[in-house]
């Protein structure tokens, strides 16, 4: 997946001091239906930001539970 980032503020790499790690999950049921969320006029796979003390797997499980109840 390719993501396009725009640098409207003309930040240099030295000015960037925070990295955000996100997880996304592809959930397919037995009928081959895909679970998507709808927010801000766009569809997305469930997922979210990694918190400081959790692994990627823990983050994905937490975010899927929060967003889908699964």
C-alpha atoms as a PDB file:
ATOM      1  CA  UNK A   1       0.000   0.000   0.000  1.00  0.00           C
ATOM      2  CA  UNK A   2       1.377   3.382  -0.939  1.00  0.00           C
ATOM      3  CA  UNK A   3       0.709   6.400   1.246  1.00  0.00           C
ATOM      4  CA  UNK A   4       1.165   9.951   0.032  1.00  0.00           C
ATOM      5  CA  UNK A   5       2.295  12.437   2.665  1.00  0.00           C
ATOM      6  CA  UNK A   6       2.179  16.172   2.104  1.00  0.00           C
ATOM      7  CA  UNK A   7       4.623  18.470   3.877  1.00  0.00           C
ATOM      8  CA  UNK A   8       2.549  21.672   3.836  1.00  0.00           C
ATOM      9  CA  UNK A   9       4.563  23.159   6.709  1.00  0.00           C
ATOM     10  CA  UNK A  10       7.876  22.517   4.914  1.00  0.00           C
ATOM     11  CA  UNK A  11       9.264  20.595   7.883  1.00  0.00           C
ATOM     12  CA  UNK A  12      12.817  19.288   7.710  1.00  0.00           C
ATOM     13  CA  UNK A  13      13.735  15.837   8.992  1.00  0.00           C
ATOM     14  CA  UNK A  14      15.462  17.497  11.975  1.00  0.00           C
ATOM     15  CA  UNK A  15      12.150  19.083  13.038  1.00  0.00           C
ATOM     16  CA  UNK A  16      10.295  15.769  13.123  1.00  0.00           C
ATOM     17  CA  UNK A  17      10.595  14.310  16.616  1.00  0.00           C
ATOM     18  CA  UNK A  18       7.726  11.840  16.804  1.00  0.00           C
ATOM     19  CA  UNK A  19       7.023   8.567  15.036  1.00  0.00           C
ATOM     20  CA  UNK A  20       3.559   7.031  15.129  1.00  0.00           C
ATOM     21  CA  UNK A  21       3.203   3.270  14.679  1.00  0.00           C
ATOM     22  CA  UNK A  22      -0.209   1.987  13.607  1.00  0.00           C
ATOM     23  CA  UNK A  23      -1.720  -1.443  13.102  1.00  0.00           C
ATOM     24  CA  UNK A  24      -4.484  -2.416  10.678  1.00  0.00           C
ATOM     25  CA  UNK A  25      -6.336  -5.712  10.451  1.00  0.00           C
ATOM     26  CA  UNK A  26      -7.963  -7.486   7.525  1.00  0.00           C
ATOM     27  CA  UNK A  27     -10.954  -9.422   8.883  1.00  0.00           C
ATOM     28  CA  UNK A  28     -12.689 -11.875   6.523  1.00  0.00           C
ATOM     29  CA  UNK A  29     -15.597 -14.066   7.670  1.00  0.00           C
ATOM     30  CA  UNK A  30     -16.702 -17.484   6.371  1.00  0.00           C
ATOM     31  CA  UNK A  31     -18.847 -15.773   3.684  1.00  0.00           C
ATOM     32  CA  UNK A  32     -15.774 -13.879   2.441  1.00  0.00           C
ATOM     33  CA  UNK A  33     -17.197 -10.578   3.720  1.00  0.00           C
ATOM     34  CA  UNK A  34     -14.550  -8.018   4.730  1.00  0.00           C
ATOM     35  CA  UNK A  35     -14.987  -5.872   7.856  1.00  0.00           C
ATOM     36  CA  UNK A  36     -14.423  -2.166   7.241  1.00  0.00           C
ATOM     37  CA  UNK A  37     -15.002   0.932   9.327  1.00  0.00           C
ATOM     38  CA  UNK A  38     -16.350   4.207   7.948  1.00  0.00           C
ATOM     39  CA  UNK A  39     -15.007   7.485   9.272  1.00  0.00           C
ATOM     40  CA  UNK A  40     -14.333  10.929   7.815  1.00  0.00           C
ATOM     41  CA  UNK A  41     -15.942   9.967   4.477  1.00  0.00           C
ATOM     42  CA  UNK A  42     -13.560   7.047   3.965  1.00  0.00           C
ATOM     43  CA  UNK A  43     -13.536   3.294   4.586  1.00  0.00           C
ATOM     44  CA  UNK A  44     -10.682   1.783   6.588  1.00  0.00           C
ATOM     45  CA  UNK A  45      -9.618  -1.539   8.047  1.00  0.00           C
ATOM     46  CA  UNK A  46      -9.940  -1.640  11.850  1.00  0.00           C
ATOM     47  CA  UNK A  47      -6.787  -0.613  13.679  1.00  0.00           C
ATOM     48  CA  UNK A  48      -5.040   2.248  15.388  1.00  0.00           C
ATOM     49  CA  UNK A  49      -2.041   3.661  17.208  1.00  0.00           C
ATOM     50  CA  UNK A  50       0.435   1.512  19.111  1.00  0.00           C
ATOM     51  CA  UNK A  51       0.606   2.479  22.772  1.00  0.00           C
ATOM     52  CA  UNK A  52       3.991   2.672  24.482  1.00  0.00           C
ATOM     53  CA  UNK A  53       3.813  -0.566  26.497  1.00  0.00           C
ATOM     54  CA  UNK A  54       2.166  -2.936  24.001  1.00  0.00           C
ATOM     55  CA  UNK A  55       3.268  -5.219  21.180  1.00  0.00           C
ATOM     56  CA  UNK A  56       1.897  -4.932  17.655  1.00  0.00           C
ATOM     57  CA  UNK A  57      -0.302  -7.981  18.269  1.00  0.00           C
ATOM     58  CA  UNK A  58      -1.686  -6.542  21.518  1.00  0.00           C
ATOM     59  CA  UNK A  59      -2.379  -3.236  19.793  1.00  0.00           C
ATOM     60  CA  UNK A  60      -4.245  -4.892  16.946  1.00  0.00           C
ATOM     61  CA  UNK A  61      -6.342  -7.006  19.327  1.00  0.00           C
ATOM     62  CA  UNK A  62      -7.225  -3.937  21.423  1.00  0.00           C
ATOM     63  CA  UNK A  63      -8.087  -1.766  18.439  1.00  0.00           C
ATOM     64  CA  UNK A  64     -10.225  -4.445  16.755  1.00  0.00           C
ATOM     65  CA  UNK A  65     -12.114  -4.994  20.018  1.00  0.00           C
ATOM     66  CA  UNK A  66     -12.631  -1.233  20.493  1.00  0.00           C
ATOM     67  CA  UNK A  67     -13.798  -0.639  16.932  1.00  0.00           C
ATOM     68  CA  UNK A  68     -15.793  -3.794  16.182  1.00  0.00           C
ATOM     69  CA  UNK A  69     -16.533  -5.560  19.452  1.00  0.00           C
ATOM     70  CA  UNK A  70     -14.917  -8.709  18.042  1.00  0.00           C
END
